[in-house]
Amino acid sequence: MVVDEDKGTLLGEVTGINGAHGTALAGSSGHGFATAGNDQAVIMFDAKTFKSLKRIPAAEDADAIVYDAPSDRVFTLNGDAHSSTVIDSSGNPVTNIALGGKPEYGASAGDGKLYANLTDTSEVVEIDSKAAEVTRRWSTEACKQPVSMAIDTVHHRLFSGCRSGVMAVSDYQVGRVVTTIPIGMGVDGAGYDPASGNAFASNADGTLTVIHQNSADNYNVAQTIETPQGSRNMALDPMNHRLYVASAKFGPVPAGGRRGPVIAASFAILVIEQ
């Protein structure tokens, strides 16, 4: 679904995505890329018309996807395959990179380096985006099962939201965790706004944790915002400093399931002003 963030109106839909997970926009080509996890593929679409243009093979559990401007490539993070599929902005496959763990979210530093959380090994992995190879990795230490990621390119800090209920802040120049901050449980989204110096974690337990950056290595929880249960995915627009949090209502949890089905017509985007 493509939504006008100012008006809150639906502009259109990109179709043909079986098991939609992540989306990345390549400004150089005008193409968007969406992972189709159930098909082990990526759908390339026109960012203006929303028309699907191409289906590109990826790997098992193609989940998050990140655009890296220096290499002009997108990198899928394939959880169950423990790999990243590299695709150029025209939709041509480049290679697959073995990551040595199950990747979740990632972020581009804009300097030729890309970072991703490995949730099963509790590590951050660094990728050289042009050479398409892993160059470093380090432990997230007390932050177990890192999932969400945001980046501060001014202070060279990564924010890894972990399912153990903390966020790890890493100095990615030296490759180590400098501090951890408590957040809600079930995190799946993160953001950082350089204008306010706030980092954010959206959590499945019905909270949005707001963390203020006092200095590169010093942080405090500034606010905990109540959100609907399960509202764990978010995006941040650094131009208007708004947060956009996905929300829906769910029916009863079936036997052996993790959550119930989404109730029809209950999906909404929450807009949070800083």
C-alpha atoms as a PDB file:
ATOM      1  CA  MET A   1       0.000   0.000   0.000  1.00  0.00           C
ATOM      2  CA  VAL A   2       1.298   3.459  -0.937  1.00  0.00           C
ATOM      3  CA  VAL A   3      -0.014   6.211   1.343  1.00  0.00           C
ATOM      4  CA  ASP A   4       0.241  10.006   1.114  1.00  0.00           C
ATOM      5  CA  GLU A   5       1.813  10.765   4.493  1.00  0.00           C
ATOM      6  CA  ASP A   6       0.440  14.322   4.657  1.00  0.00           C
ATOM      7  CA  LYS A   7      -3.156  13.584   3.659  1.00  0.00           C
ATOM      8  CA  GLY A   8      -3.392  10.030   4.928  1.00  0.00           C
ATOM      9  CA  THR A   9      -4.939   8.875   1.658  1.00  0.00           C
ATOM     10  CA  LEU A  10      -4.231   5.698  -0.284  1.00  0.00           C
ATOM     11  CA  LEU A  11      -2.376   6.516  -3.534  1.00  0.00           C
ATOM     12  CA  GLY A  12      -2.161   2.992  -4.893  1.00  0.00           C
ATOM     13  CA  GLU A  13      -0.892  -0.527  -4.370  1.00  0.00           C
ATOM     14  CA  VAL A  14       2.001  -2.620  -5.598  1.00  0.00           C
ATOM     15  CA  THR A  15       0.611  -6.044  -6.428  1.00  0.00           C
ATOM     16  CA  GLY A  16       2.053  -9.512  -6.890  1.00  0.00           C
ATOM     17  CA  ILE A  17       4.030  -9.583  -3.620  1.00  0.00           C
ATOM     18  CA  ASN A  18       3.500 -12.964  -1.961  1.00  0.00           C
ATOM     19  CA  GLY A  19       4.547 -12.512   1.656  1.00  0.00           C
ATOM     20  CA  ALA A  20       5.461  -8.816   1.674  1.00  0.00           C
ATOM     21  CA  HIS A  21       8.128  -7.886   4.228  1.00  0.00           C
ATOM     22  CA  GLY A  22      10.437  -4.962   3.390  1.00  0.00           C
ATOM     23  CA  THR A  23      10.652  -2.150   0.837  1.00  0.00           C
ATOM     24  CA  ALA A  24      13.610  -0.124  -0.426  1.00  0.00           C
ATOM     25  CA  LEU A  25      13.667   2.774  -2.895  1.00  0.00           C
ATOM     26  CA  ALA A  26      16.567   3.327  -5.292  1.00  0.00           C
ATOM     27  CA  GLY A  27      16.467   7.026  -6.091  1.00  0.00           C
ATOM     28  CA  SER A  28      18.997   6.716  -8.912  1.00  0.00           C
ATOM     29  CA  SER A  29      16.732   4.522 -11.055  1.00  0.00           C
ATOM     30  CA  GLY A  30      13.267   5.420  -9.776  1.00  0.00           C
ATOM     31  CA  HIS A  31      12.707   1.805  -8.844  1.00  0.00           C
ATOM     32  CA  GLY A  32      11.324   0.329  -5.669  1.00  0.00           C
ATOM     33  CA  PHE A  33      12.103  -3.149  -4.405  1.00  0.00           C
ATOM     34  CA  ALA A  34       9.866  -5.259  -2.151  1.00  0.00           C
ATOM     35  CA  THR A  35      10.730  -8.643  -0.695  1.00  0.00           C
ATOM     36  CA  ALA A  36       8.257 -11.450  -1.368  1.00  0.00           C
ATOM     37  CA  GLY A  37       9.302 -13.803   1.419  1.00  0.00           C
ATOM     38  CA  ASN A  38       6.942 -16.639   0.524  1.00  0.00           C
ATOM     39  CA  ASP A  39       8.324 -16.735  -3.026  1.00  0.00           C
ATOM     40  CA  GLN A  40      11.991 -16.260  -2.087  1.00  0.00           C
ATOM     41  CA  ALA A  41      11.994 -13.299  -4.440  1.00  0.00           C
ATOM     42  CA  VAL A  42      12.102  -9.526  -4.812  1.00  0.00           C
ATOM     43  CA  ILE A  43       9.532  -7.541  -6.803  1.00  0.00           C
ATOM     44  CA  MET A  44      10.928  -4.468  -8.570  1.00  0.00           C
ATOM     45  CA  PHE A  45       8.332  -1.751  -9.226  1.00  0.00           C
ATOM     46  CA  ASP A  46       8.083   1.762 -10.660  1.00  0.00           C
ATOM     47  CA  ALA A  47       8.161   4.203  -7.738  1.00  0.00           C
ATOM     48  CA  LYS A  48       5.859   6.664  -9.555  1.00  0.00           C
ATOM     49  CA  THR A  49       3.273   4.396 -11.173  1.00  0.00           C
ATOM     50  CA  PHE A  50       3.584   1.509  -8.625  1.00  0.00           C
ATOM     51  CA  LYS A  51       3.535  -0.958 -11.526  1.00  0.00           C
ATOM     52  CA  SER A  52       5.362  -4.232 -10.903  1.00  0.00           C
ATOM     53  CA  LEU A  53       8.235  -4.519 -13.370  1.00  0.00           C
ATOM     54  CA  LYS A  54      10.296  -7.581 -12.547  1.00  0.00           C
ATOM     55  CA  ARG A  55      10.547 -10.600 -10.260  1.00  0.00           C
ATOM     56  CA  ILE A  56      14.103 -11.281  -9.080  1.00  0.00           C
ATOM     57  CA  PRO A  57      15.171 -14.516  -7.326  1.00  0.00           C
ATOM     58  CA  ALA A  58      16.409 -14.045  -3.743  1.00  0.00           C
ATOM     59  CA  ALA A  59      16.565 -16.755  -1.053  1.00  0.00           C
ATOM     60  CA  GLU A  60      14.556 -18.421   1.697  1.00  0.00           C
ATOM     61  CA  ASP A  61      12.864 -15.991   4.102  1.00  0.00           C
ATOM     62  CA  ALA A  62      13.722 -12.829   2.146  1.00  0.00           C
ATOM     63  CA  ASP A  63      12.773 -10.251   4.788  1.00  0.00           C
ATOM     64  CA  ALA A  64      14.220  -6.758   5.230  1.00  0.00           C
ATOM     65  CA  ILE A  65      15.827  -4.938   2.300  1.00  0.00           C
ATOM     66  CA  VAL A  66      18.189  -1.947   2.265  1.00  0.00           C
ATOM     67  CA  TYR A  67      19.268   0.433  -0.514  1.00  0.00           C
ATOM     68  CA  ASP A  68      22.921   1.482  -0.455  1.00  0.00           C
ATOM     69  CA  ALA A  69      23.644   4.646  -2.473  1.00  0.00           C
ATOM     70  CA  PRO A  70      27.461   4.339  -2.854  1.00  0.00           C
ATOM     71  CA  SER A  71      27.147   0.944  -4.580  1.00  0.00           C
ATOM     72  CA  ASP A  72      23.718   1.714  -6.115  1.00  0.00           C
ATOM     73  CA  ARG A  73      22.514  -1.695  -4.970  1.00  0.00           C
ATOM     74  CA  VAL A  74      19.838  -3.196  -2.759  1.00  0.00           C
ATOM     75  CA  PHE A  75      20.645  -5.877  -0.219  1.00  0.00           C
ATOM     76  CA  THR A  76      17.999  -8.333   0.953  1.00  0.00           C
ATOM     77  CA  LEU A  77      18.380  -9.903   4.381  1.00  0.00           C
ATOM     78  CA  ASN A  78      17.351 -13.539   4.045  1.00  0.00           C
ATOM     79  CA  GLY A  79      16.652 -14.873   7.531  1.00  0.00           C
ATOM     80  CA  ASP A  80      16.427 -18.631   7.134  1.00  0.00           C
ATOM     81  CA  ALA A  81      19.009 -18.671   4.343  1.00  0.00           C
ATOM     82  CA  HIS A  82      21.551 -16.773   6.513  1.00  0.00           C
ATOM     83  CA  SER A  83      22.447 -14.641   3.524  1.00  0.00           C
ATOM     84  CA  SER A  84      22.047 -11.363   1.658  1.00  0.00           C
ATOM     85  CA  THR A  85      21.017 -11.191  -1.996  1.00  0.00           C
ATOM     86  CA  VAL A  86      22.635  -8.267  -3.830  1.00  0.00           C
ATOM     87  CA  ILE A  87      20.729  -6.643  -6.711  1.00  0.00           C
ATOM     88  CA  ASP A  88      21.692  -3.545  -8.716  1.00  0.00           C
ATOM     89  CA  SER A  89      19.230  -0.652  -9.081  1.00  0.00           C
ATOM     90  CA  SER A  90      18.185  -1.850 -12.545  1.00  0.00           C
ATOM     91  CA  GLY A  91      17.063  -5.166 -11.096  1.00  0.00           C
ATOM     92  CA  ASN A  92      20.018  -7.332 -12.103  1.00  0.00           C
ATOM     93  CA  PRO A  93      21.186  -9.967  -9.594  1.00  0.00           C
ATOM     94  CA  VAL A  94      24.798  -9.457  -8.511  1.00  0.00           C
ATOM     95  CA  THR A  95      25.588 -12.152  -5.943  1.00  0.00           C
ATOM     96  CA  ASN A  96      24.585 -13.779  -2.664  1.00  0.00           C
ATOM     97  CA  ILE A  97      26.631 -13.135   0.490  1.00  0.00           C
ATOM     98  CA  ALA A  98      26.845 -15.727   3.276  1.00  0.00           C
ATOM     99  CA  LEU A  99      26.408 -13.884   6.594  1.00  0.00           C
ATOM    100  CA  GLY A 100      27.029 -16.648   9.113  1.00  0.00           C
ATOM    101  CA  GLY A 101      23.760 -16.076  10.966  1.00  0.00           C
ATOM    102  CA  LYS A 102      20.101 -15.146  10.621  1.00  0.00           C
ATOM    103  CA  PRO A 103      19.824 -11.488   9.540  1.00  0.00           C
ATOM    104  CA  GLU A 104      16.986  -9.192  10.503  1.00  0.00           C
ATOM    105  CA  TYR A 105      17.025  -5.424   9.836  1.00  0.00           C
ATOM    106  CA  GLY A 106      19.980  -3.506   8.426  1.00  0.00           C
ATOM    107  CA  ALA A 107      21.179   0.011   7.606  1.00  0.00           C
ATOM    108  CA  SER A 108      23.530   1.681   5.140  1.00  0.00           C
ATOM    109  CA  ALA A 109      26.138   4.076   6.535  1.00  0.00           C
ATOM    110  CA  GLY A 110      26.390   5.867   3.181  1.00  0.00           C
ATOM    111  CA  ASP A 111      30.158   5.328   3.073  1.00  0.00           C
ATOM    112  CA  GLY A 112      30.318   1.975   1.324  1.00  0.00           C
ATOM    113  CA  LYS A 113      29.509  -0.028   4.449  1.00  0.00           C
ATOM    114  CA  LEU A 114      26.261  -1.783   5.298  1.00  0.00           C
ATOM    115  CA  TYR A 115      25.300  -3.239   8.682  1.00  0.00           C
ATOM    116  CA  ALA A 116      22.834  -5.946   9.703  1.00  0.00           C
ATOM    117  CA  ASN A 117      21.738  -7.607  12.933  1.00  0.00           C
ATOM    118  CA  LEU A 118      22.178 -11.371  13.228  1.00  0.00           C
ATOM    119  CA  THR A 119      19.434 -12.402  15.620  1.00  0.00           C
ATOM    120  CA  ASP A 120      20.443 -16.008  16.299  1.00  0.00           C
ATOM    121  CA  THR A 121      24.089 -15.222  17.115  1.00  0.00           C
ATOM    122  CA  SER A 122      23.432 -11.790  18.726  1.00  0.00           C
ATOM    123  CA  GLU A 123      25.902 -10.017  16.459  1.00  0.00           C
ATOM    124  CA  VAL A 124      26.198  -7.086  14.095  1.00  0.00           C
ATOM    125  CA  VAL A 125      27.789  -7.866  10.746  1.00  0.00           C
ATOM    126  CA  GLU A 126      29.504  -5.300   8.502  1.00  0.00           C
ATOM    127  CA  ILE A 127      29.334  -5.649   4.705  1.00  0.00           C
ATOM    128  CA  ASP A 128      31.478  -3.888   2.122  1.00  0.00           C
ATOM    129  CA  SER A 129      28.730  -2.904  -0.310  1.00  0.00           C
ATOM    130  CA  LYS A 130      30.935  -2.650  -3.433  1.00  0.00           C
ATOM    131  CA  ALA A 131      33.046  -5.740  -2.813  1.00  0.00           C
ATOM    132  CA  ALA A 132      29.882  -7.583  -1.606  1.00  0.00           C
ATOM    133  CA  GLU A 133      31.657  -9.316   1.249  1.00  0.00           C
ATOM    134  CA  VAL A 134      31.581  -9.439   5.047  1.00  0.00           C
ATOM    135  CA  THR A 135      34.411  -7.409   6.550  1.00  0.00           C
ATOM    136  CA  ARG A 136      33.724  -7.456  10.337  1.00  0.00           C
ATOM    137  CA  ARG A 137      31.359  -8.677  13.019  1.00  0.00           C
ATOM    138  CA  TRP A 138      30.911  -7.991  16.725  1.00  0.00           C
ATOM    139  CA  SER A 139      28.721  -9.141  19.592  1.00  0.00           C
ATOM    140  CA  THR A 140      25.735  -7.128  20.830  1.00  0.00           C
ATOM    141  CA  GLU A 141      26.637  -8.518  24.269  1.00  0.00           C
ATOM    142  CA  ALA A 142      23.763  -8.136  26.794  1.00  0.00           C
ATOM    143  CA  CYS A 143      21.402  -7.230  23.938  1.00  0.00           C
ATOM    144  CA  LYS A 144      20.146 -10.677  22.891  1.00  0.00           C
ATOM    145  CA  GLN A 145      18.317 -11.414  19.629  1.00  0.00           C
ATOM    146  CA  PRO A 146      18.923  -8.068  17.888  1.00  0.00           C
ATOM    147  CA  VAL A 147      16.149  -7.345  15.399  1.00  0.00           C
ATOM    148  CA  SER A 148      15.499  -3.696  14.512  1.00  0.00           C
ATOM    149  CA  MET A 149      18.235  -1.274  13.445  1.00  0.00           C
ATOM    150  CA  ALA A 150      18.692   2.478  12.997  1.00  0.00           C
ATOM    151  CA  ILE A 151      21.816   4.523  12.330  1.00  0.00           C
ATOM    152  CA  ASP A 152      23.386   7.845  13.329  1.00  0.00           C
ATOM    153  CA  THR A 153      25.967   8.613  10.644  1.00  0.00           C
ATOM    154  CA  VAL A 154      27.183  11.814  12.345  1.00  0.00           C
ATOM    155  CA  HIS A 155      28.330  10.098  15.551  1.00  0.00           C
ATOM    156  CA  HIS A 156      28.878   6.719  13.860  1.00  0.00           C
ATOM    157  CA  ARG A 157      26.424   4.870  16.076  1.00  0.00           C
ATOM    158  CA  LEU A 158      24.128   1.930  15.375  1.00  0.00           C
ATOM    159  CA  PHE A 159      20.965   1.253  17.372  1.00  0.00           C
ATOM    160  CA  SER A 160      20.029  -2.432  17.610  1.00  0.00           C
ATOM    161  CA  GLY A 161      16.673  -3.192  19.212  1.00  0.00           C
ATOM    162  CA  CYS A 162      16.753  -6.584  20.913  1.00  0.00           C
ATOM    163  CA  ARG A 163      14.017  -9.007  21.904  1.00  0.00           C
ATOM    164  CA  SER A 164      15.634  -9.235  25.347  1.00  0.00           C
ATOM    165  CA  GLY A 165      14.143  -5.804  26.124  1.00  0.00           C
ATOM    166  CA  VAL A 166      17.129  -3.524  25.549  1.00  0.00           C
ATOM    167  CA  MET A 167      18.601  -1.443  22.742  1.00  0.00           C
ATOM    168  CA  ALA A 168      22.350  -1.735  22.098  1.00  0.00           C
ATOM    169  CA  VAL A 169      24.248   1.307  20.855  1.00  0.00           C
ATOM    170  CA  SER A 170      27.364   0.367  18.872  1.00  0.00           C
ATOM    171  CA  ASP A 171      30.285   2.475  17.707  1.00  0.00           C
ATOM    172  CA  TYR A 172      30.512   1.057  14.204  1.00  0.00           C
ATOM    173  CA  GLN A 173      33.921   2.589  13.501  1.00  0.00           C
ATOM    174  CA  VAL A 174      35.556   0.458  16.190  1.00  0.00           C
ATOM    175  CA  GLY A 175      32.979  -2.354  16.185  1.00  0.00           C
ATOM    176  CA  ARG A 176      31.793  -2.570  19.782  1.00  0.00           C
ATOM    177  CA  VAL A 177      28.758  -1.865  21.968  1.00  0.00           C
ATOM    178  CA  VAL A 178      29.140   1.323  24.031  1.00  0.00           C
ATOM    179  CA  THR A 179      25.904   1.154  26.059  1.00  0.00           C
ATOM    180  CA  THR A 180      22.455  -0.422  26.342  1.00  0.00           C
ATOM    181  CA  ILE A 181      19.099   1.184  27.178  1.00  0.00           C
ATOM    182  CA  PRO A 182      15.864  -0.543  28.322  1.00  0.00           C
ATOM    183  CA  ILE A 183      12.989  -0.700  25.802  1.00  0.00           C
ATOM    184  CA  GLY A 184       9.664  -2.524  25.539  1.00  0.00           C
ATOM    185  CA  MET A 185       9.269  -6.216  24.682  1.00  0.00           C
ATOM    186  CA  GLY A 186       8.777  -7.596  21.186  1.00  0.00           C
ATOM    187  CA  VAL A 187      10.658  -4.838  19.350  1.00  0.00           C
ATOM    188  CA  ASP A 188      10.539  -4.943  15.554  1.00  0.00           C
ATOM    189  CA  GLY A 189      11.099  -1.334  14.448  1.00  0.00           C
ATOM    190  CA  ALA A 190      13.688   1.366  15.138  1.00  0.00           C
ATOM    191  CA  GLY A 191      14.479   4.891  14.016  1.00  0.00           C
ATOM    192  CA  TYR A 192      16.842   7.765  14.726  1.00  0.00           C
ATOM    193  CA  ASP A 193      16.140  11.447  14.103  1.00  0.00           C
ATOM    194  CA  PRO A 194      19.346  13.534  13.985  1.00  0.00           C
ATOM    195  CA  ALA A 195      17.422  16.798  14.388  1.00  0.00           C
ATOM    196  CA  SER A 196      15.956  15.886  17.788  1.00  0.00           C
ATOM    197  CA  GLY A 197      18.655  13.429  18.837  1.00  0.00           C
ATOM    198  CA  ASN A 198      15.966  10.868  19.586  1.00  0.00           C
ATOM    199  CA  ALA A 199      16.082   7.154  18.882  1.00  0.00           C
ATOM    200  CA  PHE A 200      12.909   5.065  18.836  1.00  0.00           C
ATOM    201  CA  ALA A 201      11.880   1.444  19.369  1.00  0.00           C
ATOM    202  CA  SER A 202       8.390   0.218  18.430  1.00  0.00           C
ATOM    203  CA  ASN A 203       7.385  -2.825  20.446  1.00  0.00           C
ATOM    204  CA  ALA A 204       4.723  -5.532  20.197  1.00  0.00           C
ATOM    205  CA  ASP A 205       3.799  -5.059  23.873  1.00  0.00           C
ATOM    206  CA  GLY A 206       1.971  -1.818  22.992  1.00  0.00           C
ATOM    207  CA  THR A 207       4.761   0.666  23.637  1.00  0.00           C
ATOM    208  CA  LEU A 208       6.970   3.029  21.673  1.00  0.00           C
ATOM    209  CA  THR A 209      10.190   3.770  23.567  1.00  0.00           C
ATOM    210  CA  VAL A 210      11.683   7.237  23.014  1.00  0.00           C
ATOM    211  CA  ILE A 211      15.393   7.430  23.821  1.00  0.00           C
ATOM    212  CA  HIS A 212      17.229  10.762  23.921  1.00  0.00           C
ATOM    213  CA  GLN A 213      20.853  11.034  22.896  1.00  0.00           C
ATOM    214  CA  ASN A 214      22.694  13.270  25.376  1.00  0.00           C
ATOM    215  CA  SER A 215      26.031  12.507  23.736  1.00  0.00           C
ATOM    216  CA  ALA A 216      27.382   9.803  21.456  1.00  0.00           C
ATOM    217  CA  ASP A 217      27.683   7.361  24.371  1.00  0.00           C
ATOM    218  CA  ASN A 218      25.091   8.673  26.832  1.00  0.00           C
ATOM    219  CA  TYR A 219      21.326   8.066  26.533  1.00  0.00           C
ATOM    220  CA  ASN A 220      18.181   8.064  28.627  1.00  0.00           C
ATOM    221  CA  VAL A 221      14.596   6.923  28.138  1.00  0.00           C
ATOM    222  CA  ALA A 222      12.728  10.190  27.608  1.00  0.00           C
ATOM    223  CA  GLN A 223       9.221   8.804  27.153  1.00  0.00           C
ATOM    224  CA  THR A 224       7.223   5.624  26.715  1.00  0.00           C
ATOM    225  CA  ILE A 225       4.224   6.105  24.435  1.00  0.00           C
ATOM    226  CA  GLU A 226       1.276   3.726  24.621  1.00  0.00           C
ATOM    227  CA  THR A 227       0.363   2.145  21.276  1.00  0.00           C
ATOM    228  CA  PRO A 228      -2.033  -0.668  20.314  1.00  0.00           C
ATOM    229  CA  GLN A 229      -0.823  -4.194  21.078  1.00  0.00           C
ATOM    230  CA  GLY A 230       1.176  -5.598  18.181  1.00  0.00           C
ATOM    231  CA  SER A 231       2.133  -2.195  16.715  1.00  0.00           C
ATOM    232  CA  ARG A 232       5.765  -3.122  16.263  1.00  0.00           C
ATOM    233  CA  ASN A 233       6.617  -1.820  12.779  1.00  0.00           C
ATOM    234  CA  MET A 234       7.465   1.823  12.162  1.00  0.00           C
ATOM    235  CA  ALA A 235       9.087   4.333   9.830  1.00  0.00           C
ATOM    236  CA  LEU A 236      10.526   7.778  10.521  1.00  0.00           C
ATOM    237  CA  ASP A 237      10.537  10.677   8.072  1.00  0.00           C
ATOM    238  CA  PRO A 238      13.600  12.836   8.870  1.00  0.00           C
ATOM    239  CA  MET A 239      12.129  15.738   6.894  1.00  0.00           C
ATOM    240  CA  ASN A 240       8.979  16.269   8.985  1.00  0.00           C
ATOM    241  CA  HIS A 241      10.216  14.295  12.051  1.00  0.00           C
ATOM    242  CA  ARG A 242       7.042  12.217  12.220  1.00  0.00           C
ATOM    243  CA  LEU A 243       6.814   8.560  13.115  1.00  0.00           C
ATOM    244  CA  TYR A 244       4.481   6.216  11.229  1.00  0.00           C
ATOM    245  CA  VAL A 245       3.481   3.083  13.134  1.00  0.00           C
ATOM    246  CA  ALA A 246       1.511   0.203  11.616  1.00  0.00           C
ATOM    247  CA  SER A 247      -1.510  -0.941  13.609  1.00  0.00           C
ATOM    248  CA  ALA A 248      -4.275  -3.527  13.307  1.00  0.00           C
ATOM    249  CA  LYS A 249      -6.765  -5.438  15.419  1.00  0.00           C
ATOM    250  CA  PHE A 250      -6.471  -9.207  15.685  1.00  0.00           C
ATOM    251  CA  GLY A 251      -8.938 -12.006  16.241  1.00  0.00           C
ATOM    252  CA  PRO A 252      -8.495 -14.976  18.624  1.00  0.00           C
ATOM    253  CA  VAL A 253      -5.180 -16.803  18.501  1.00  0.00           C
ATOM    254  CA  PRO A 254      -5.621 -20.266  16.940  1.00  0.00           C
ATOM    255  CA  ALA A 255      -4.258 -23.359  18.650  1.00  0.00           C
ATOM    256  CA  GLY A 256      -0.496 -23.478  18.211  1.00  0.00           C
ATOM    257  CA  GLY A 257      -0.387 -20.001  16.670  1.00  0.00           C
ATOM    258  CA  ARG A 258       1.427 -16.832  17.721  1.00  0.00           C
ATOM    259  CA  ARG A 259      -1.391 -14.377  16.986  1.00  0.00           C
ATOM    260  CA  GLY A 260      -4.862 -14.284  15.561  1.00  0.00           C
ATOM    261  CA  PRO A 261      -5.888 -13.177  12.069  1.00  0.00           C
ATOM    262  CA  VAL A 262      -6.130  -9.483  11.244  1.00  0.00           C
ATOM    263  CA  ILE A 263      -9.713  -8.224  11.571  1.00  0.00           C
ATOM    264  CA  ALA A 264     -10.989  -6.853   8.274  1.00  0.00           C
ATOM    265  CA  ALA A 265     -10.811  -3.058   7.804  1.00  0.00           C
ATOM    266  CA  SER A 266      -8.862  -2.607  11.067  1.00  0.00           C
ATOM    267  CA  PHE A 267      -5.462  -1.762   9.565  1.00  0.00           C
ATOM    268  CA  ALA A 268      -4.306   1.791  10.240  1.00  0.00           C
ATOM    269  CA  ILE A 269      -1.192   3.961  10.268  1.00  0.00           C
ATOM    270  CA  LEU A 270      -0.604   5.884  13.501  1.00  0.00           C
ATOM    271  CA  VAL A 271       1.083   9.283  13.035  1.00  0.00           C
ATOM    272  CA  ILE A 272       3.189  10.384  16.004  1.00  0.00           C
ATOM    273  CA  GLU A 273       4.573  13.914  16.232  1.00  0.00           C
ATOM    274  CA  GLN A 274       7.812  14.552  18.080  1.00  0.00           C
END
